Amino acid sequence: MKSIARMGLFFTFLTSVFAASADVSFAQTWGTIKGQVVFAGANSTPEKLKVNKDEQHCLSKGDILSEKFVVDPKSKGVRWVMVWLVDSKNPKAQIPIHPSLVEVKQKDVVLDQPCCVYEPHVIGMRAGQVLVTKNSSPVNHNVNIISTGNNPSQNLLIPSGKELKVEGWGAANAPTKIECNIHPWMVAWIRVFNHPYFAITDKDGNFEMKNAPAGDYNLVTWQEEVGWVKGGKVGVPINIKADGVTDAGKIELNPAAN
């Protein structure tokens, strides 16, 4: 009986060891992704927009230029491009989220219009965040929110110095467009995700995502004028290294190719 009891304890020990090994082998690890979106087209000169309302205020800082393509002349980097991760097998599947990023710490996301231009021009939000539409200018504006699906579609008048909150945002495949009907050259864009692994390129076209899940995923790139930049809506494969930096390299944006 004692030998049987010892064997039982031994097998229990082995089971616990194998279980612990399995937990370690399948434990999620994390890494950082960086890259750059660069302009590969023939002409990146921004168009001067026609300003025919509240000119004294709207033009007080100079001409207003189109933000369809904002290209740095030295680096050729493209600003305001949205980049995000999706599951490599099913773009609609939930991807792992780092424990420090599960909770959305910043509830409000602000869209301002201090001088007849939306700031920022492109916004990435997580499901459940609140859009604060703000008017810090001396003239009245409206915020016309145009969504497809279940996200908000509202046309809000925002007097000078006021703000309004818009709730009810959920992850969506399509972007939301923001317009001002009083100043029709004003445009902004919003995309909403169910995870934190999205980025908007800076003035040099650079982007970075920290604490991303290591492993095989797809990287999706979207720009307001050309739409899908590389790999379409499913993106291109990327293997994210654990505990390191994965360089996605230079992603070329060529309007003629789209």
Protein backbone atom coordinates (compact mmCIF):
# COMPACT_ATOMS: atom_id res chain seq x y z
CA MET A 1 0.00 0.00 0.00
CA LYS A 2 2.83 2.35 0.84
CA SER A 3 4.41 1.79 -2.59
CA ILE A 4 1.10 2.55 -4.28
CA ALA A 5 0.75 5.73 -2.23
CA ARG A 6 4.30 6.77 -3.15
CA MET A 7 3.58 6.17 -6.84
CA GLY A 8 0.43 8.25 -6.55
CA LEU A 9 2.38 11.13 -5.04
CA PHE A 10 5.04 10.77 -7.72
CA PHE A 11 2.47 10.99 -10.54
CA THR A 12 0.84 13.97 -8.85
CA PHE A 13 4.25 15.65 -8.75
CA LEU A 14 4.87 14.92 -12.44
CA THR A 15 1.44 16.25 -13.39
CA SER A 16 2.11 19.51 -11.55
CA VAL A 17 5.53 19.86 -13.22
CA PHE A 18 4.10 19.30 -16.70
CA ALA A 19 1.25 21.70 -15.99
CA ALA A 20 3.69 24.38 -14.85
CA SER A 21 5.82 23.76 -17.95
CA ALA A 22 2.76 24.14 -20.16
CA ASP A 23 1.86 27.42 -18.46
CA VAL A 24 5.37 28.74 -19.10
CA SER A 25 5.50 27.56 -22.70
CA PHE A 26 2.14 29.14 -23.54
CA ALA A 27 2.58 32.31 -21.48
CA GLN A 28 1.96 35.41 -23.57
CA THR A 29 5.01 37.58 -24.19
CA TRP A 30 5.17 41.13 -25.45
CA GLY A 31 7.22 43.39 -27.70
CA THR A 32 7.36 46.74 -29.48
CA ILE A 33 6.59 47.52 -33.13
CA LYS A 34 7.93 50.52 -34.97
CA GLY A 35 7.97 51.63 -38.60
CA GLN A 36 7.58 54.53 -41.00
CA VAL A 37 5.12 55.42 -43.74
CA VAL A 38 6.85 57.27 -46.59
CA PHE A 39 5.45 59.03 -49.64
CA ALA A 40 6.27 57.36 -52.96
CA GLY A 41 4.12 59.55 -55.22
CA ALA A 42 5.12 62.19 -57.73
CA ASN A 43 3.77 65.31 -56.02
CA SER A 44 3.17 65.98 -52.34
CA THR A 45 2.61 69.76 -52.46
CA PRO A 46 -0.42 70.53 -50.26
CA GLU A 47 -3.36 72.36 -51.80
CA LYS A 48 -4.33 75.77 -50.40
CA LEU A 49 -7.94 75.55 -49.30
CA LYS A 50 -10.62 78.08 -50.15
CA VAL A 51 -11.63 79.90 -46.97
CA ASN A 52 -14.82 81.93 -47.47
CA LYS A 53 -16.28 82.16 -43.97
CA ASP A 54 -14.99 84.01 -40.88
CA GLU A 55 -11.86 84.86 -42.86
CA GLN A 56 -10.44 87.29 -40.31
CA HIS A 57 -10.24 84.60 -37.66
CA CYS A 58 -9.69 81.53 -39.82
CA LEU A 59 -6.76 83.06 -41.73
CA SER A 60 -5.22 84.80 -38.70
CA LYS A 61 -2.38 82.24 -38.65
CA GLY A 62 -1.92 82.11 -42.42
CA ASP A 63 -3.32 80.03 -45.25
CA ILE A 64 -5.07 76.78 -44.43
CA LEU A 65 -3.64 73.83 -46.35
CA SER A 66 -5.25 70.52 -47.21
CA GLU A 67 -4.32 67.63 -44.91
CA LYS A 68 -5.12 64.92 -47.45
CA PHE A 69 -1.37 64.37 -47.82
CA VAL A 70 0.92 65.87 -45.16
CA VAL A 71 4.46 64.94 -46.24
CA ASP A 72 7.70 66.01 -44.60
CA PRO A 73 9.98 67.32 -47.39
CA LYS A 74 13.16 65.84 -45.86
CA SER A 75 12.11 62.44 -44.55
CA LYS A 76 9.21 61.96 -47.03
CA GLY A 77 7.28 60.69 -44.02
CA VAL A 78 3.49 60.88 -44.26
CA ARG A 79 1.58 62.21 -41.28
CA TRP A 80 -1.92 61.17 -40.17
CA VAL A 81 -1.73 57.57 -41.39
CA MET A 82 -3.48 55.01 -39.19
CA VAL A 83 -1.70 51.69 -38.47
CA TRP A 84 -3.05 48.82 -36.38
CA LEU A 85 -2.80 45.10 -35.60
CA VAL A 86 -5.26 42.35 -36.46
CA ASP A 87 -5.26 38.60 -35.90
CA SER A 88 -3.41 36.90 -38.78
CA LYS A 89 -6.14 34.29 -39.33
CA ASN A 90 -9.29 36.22 -38.47
CA PRO A 91 -9.21 40.05 -38.62
CA LYS A 92 -12.32 40.21 -36.42
CA ALA A 93 -10.86 38.08 -33.62
CA GLN A 94 -9.88 39.61 -30.30
CA ILE A 95 -6.13 39.82 -29.83
CA PRO A 96 -4.33 39.54 -26.46
CA ILE A 97 -3.94 42.76 -24.49
CA HIS A 98 -1.07 43.46 -22.12
CA PRO A 99 -2.30 43.59 -18.48
CA SER A 100 -1.20 47.22 -18.13
CA LEU A 101 -3.34 48.21 -21.12
CA VAL A 102 -6.55 46.28 -20.44
CA GLU A 103 -8.11 49.17 -18.54
CA VAL A 104 -8.68 52.34 -20.56
CA LYS A 105 -7.06 54.94 -18.34
CA GLN A 106 -7.98 58.03 -20.37
CA LYS A 107 -11.76 58.15 -20.72
CA ASP A 108 -12.05 61.36 -22.77
CA VAL A 109 -10.60 61.98 -26.23
CA VAL A 110 -10.63 65.65 -27.25
CA LEU A 111 -11.33 67.04 -30.72
CA ASP A 112 -10.80 70.83 -30.79
CA GLN A 113 -11.13 73.48 -33.51
CA PRO A 114 -9.14 76.51 -32.32
CA CYS A 115 -8.57 78.11 -35.73
CA CYS A 116 -10.93 76.57 -38.32
CA VAL A 117 -8.99 73.28 -38.49
CA TYR A 118 -9.81 70.16 -36.50
CA GLU A 119 -7.08 69.21 -34.04
CA PRO A 120 -6.09 66.43 -34.23
CA HIS A 121 -6.88 65.61 -37.84
CA VAL A 122 -7.03 61.84 -37.22
CA ILE A 123 -8.08 60.17 -33.97
CA GLY A 124 -7.80 56.58 -32.78
CA MET A 125 -10.17 55.58 -29.97
CA ARG A 126 -10.88 52.49 -27.94
CA ALA A 127 -14.40 51.20 -27.53
CA GLY A 128 -16.07 52.91 -24.58
CA GLN A 129 -14.07 56.12 -24.71
CA VAL A 130 -15.91 59.44 -24.95
CA LEU A 131 -15.34 61.99 -27.71
CA VAL A 132 -15.20 65.54 -26.32
CA THR A 133 -15.97 67.97 -29.16
CA LYS A 134 -14.54 71.30 -28.11
CA ASN A 135 -14.65 74.81 -29.59
CA SER A 136 -11.88 77.00 -28.18
CA SER A 137 -12.21 79.54 -31.02
CA PRO A 138 -14.07 82.89 -30.95
CA VAL A 139 -16.52 81.81 -33.70
CA ASN A 140 -19.27 79.20 -33.74
CA HIS A 141 -18.69 75.75 -35.24
CA ASN A 142 -20.67 72.61 -35.77
CA VAL A 143 -19.44 69.03 -35.61
CA ASN A 144 -21.17 66.80 -38.13
CA ILE A 145 -20.36 63.20 -37.15
CA ILE A 146 -20.91 60.77 -40.04
CA SER A 147 -20.66 57.09 -39.12
CA THR A 148 -21.76 53.83 -40.66
CA GLY A 149 -23.07 51.03 -38.48
CA ASN A 150 -23.79 51.61 -34.81
CA ASN A 151 -21.41 54.45 -33.97
CA PRO A 152 -22.80 57.94 -33.37
CA SER A 153 -24.07 60.07 -36.24
CA GLN A 154 -24.93 63.53 -34.96
CA ASN A 155 -24.75 67.13 -36.11
CA LEU A 156 -23.88 69.30 -33.14
CA LEU A 157 -23.73 73.09 -32.93
CA ILE A 158 -20.91 74.10 -30.60
CA PRO A 159 -20.83 77.80 -29.66
CA SER A 160 -17.56 79.57 -28.97
CA GLY A 161 -15.93 78.41 -25.75
CA LYS A 162 -18.24 75.42 -25.31
CA GLU A 163 -17.85 71.64 -25.56
CA LEU A 164 -20.11 68.61 -25.92
CA LYS A 165 -19.49 64.97 -25.12
CA VAL A 166 -20.41 62.17 -27.52
CA GLU A 167 -20.70 58.66 -26.07
CA GLY A 168 -21.59 55.26 -27.48
CA TRP A 169 -18.44 54.42 -29.45
CA GLY A 170 -17.71 50.81 -30.33
CA ALA A 171 -15.11 49.05 -32.46
CA ALA A 172 -15.91 49.43 -36.17
CA ASN A 173 -14.49 48.35 -39.52
CA ALA A 174 -15.25 51.68 -41.19
CA PRO A 175 -13.93 55.12 -40.23
CA THR A 176 -16.10 57.98 -38.99
CA LYS A 177 -15.84 61.28 -40.86
CA ILE A 178 -16.17 64.63 -39.09
CA GLU A 179 -17.20 67.76 -40.99
CA CYS A 180 -18.08 71.35 -40.17
CA ASN A 181 -20.93 72.63 -42.32
CA ILE A 182 -20.26 76.23 -41.31
CA HIS A 183 -16.64 75.92 -42.50
CA PRO A 184 -16.86 73.20 -45.19
CA TRP A 185 -13.09 72.76 -45.65
CA MET A 186 -12.79 71.31 -42.13
CA VAL A 187 -12.47 67.51 -42.01
CA ALA A 188 -11.31 64.97 -39.41
CA TRP A 189 -11.37 61.17 -39.15
CA ILE A 190 -11.93 58.68 -36.33
CA ARG A 191 -11.33 54.93 -36.10
CA VAL A 192 -12.42 52.87 -33.10
CA PHE A 193 -10.81 49.62 -31.88
CA ASN A 194 -11.41 46.93 -29.25
CA HIS A 195 -7.70 46.87 -28.35
CA PRO A 196 -4.90 49.43 -27.81
CA TYR A 197 -2.63 48.34 -30.69
CA PHE A 198 -3.09 51.22 -33.11
CA ALA A 199 -1.00 54.27 -33.91
CA ILE A 200 -1.13 57.45 -35.97
CA THR A 201 2.01 58.48 -37.80
CA ASP A 202 3.83 61.63 -36.68
CA LYS A 203 5.23 64.42 -38.85
CA ASP A 204 8.05 62.15 -40.07
CA GLY A 205 5.72 59.24 -40.78
CA ASN A 206 6.94 57.25 -37.77
CA PHE A 207 4.74 55.05 -35.60
CA GLU A 208 5.26 52.84 -32.55
CA MET A 209 3.18 50.35 -30.56
CA LYS A 210 4.48 49.18 -27.19
CA ASN A 211 3.56 46.05 -25.22
CA ALA A 212 2.12 44.39 -28.31
CA PRO A 213 1.54 40.61 -28.20
CA ALA A 214 4.49 38.64 -29.54
CA GLY A 215 3.83 36.23 -32.38
CA ASP A 216 2.32 36.28 -35.85
CA TYR A 217 -0.15 39.06 -36.62
CA ASN A 218 -1.05 41.32 -39.52
CA LEU A 219 -0.28 45.04 -39.76
CA VAL A 220 -3.00 47.12 -41.42
CA THR A 221 -2.33 50.60 -42.84
CA TRP A 222 -5.02 53.13 -43.82
CA GLN A 223 -4.89 56.70 -45.10
CA GLU A 224 -7.87 58.94 -45.72
CA GLU A 225 -7.20 59.69 -49.40
CA VAL A 226 -5.92 56.36 -50.72
CA GLY A 227 -7.69 54.03 -48.30
CA TRP A 228 -5.80 50.78 -47.67
CA VAL A 229 -2.09 51.43 -48.15
CA LYS A 230 -0.55 47.94 -48.16
CA GLY A 231 -2.13 44.51 -47.96
CA GLY A 232 -5.70 45.74 -48.12
CA LYS A 233 -8.03 45.49 -45.15
CA VAL A 234 -6.32 42.31 -43.89
CA GLY A 235 -2.87 43.94 -43.88
CA VAL A 236 0.53 42.31 -44.21
CA PRO A 237 2.12 39.63 -41.99
CA ILE A 238 4.38 40.72 -39.16
CA ASN A 239 6.17 38.54 -36.61
CA ILE A 240 6.44 40.48 -33.36
CA LYS A 241 9.55 39.57 -31.37
CA ALA A 242 9.22 38.96 -27.66
CA ASP A 243 11.02 41.40 -25.33
CA GLY A 244 12.43 43.38 -28.25
CA VAL A 245 11.68 45.79 -31.06
CA THR A 246 10.26 44.61 -34.37
CA ASP A 247 10.94 47.04 -37.20
CA ALA A 248 8.19 47.03 -39.82
CA GLY A 249 10.49 49.06 -42.08
CA LYS A 250 9.34 51.67 -44.57
CA ILE A 251 5.77 51.35 -45.81
CA GLU A 252 5.41 53.15 -49.14
CA LEU A 253 2.30 55.23 -49.83
CA ASN A 254 1.81 55.85 -53.56
CA PRO A 255 -1.50 57.51 -54.53
CA ALA A 256 -1.11 56.32 -58.13
CA ALA A 257 -0.94 52.70 -57.02
CA ASN A 258 -4.24 52.77 -55.11
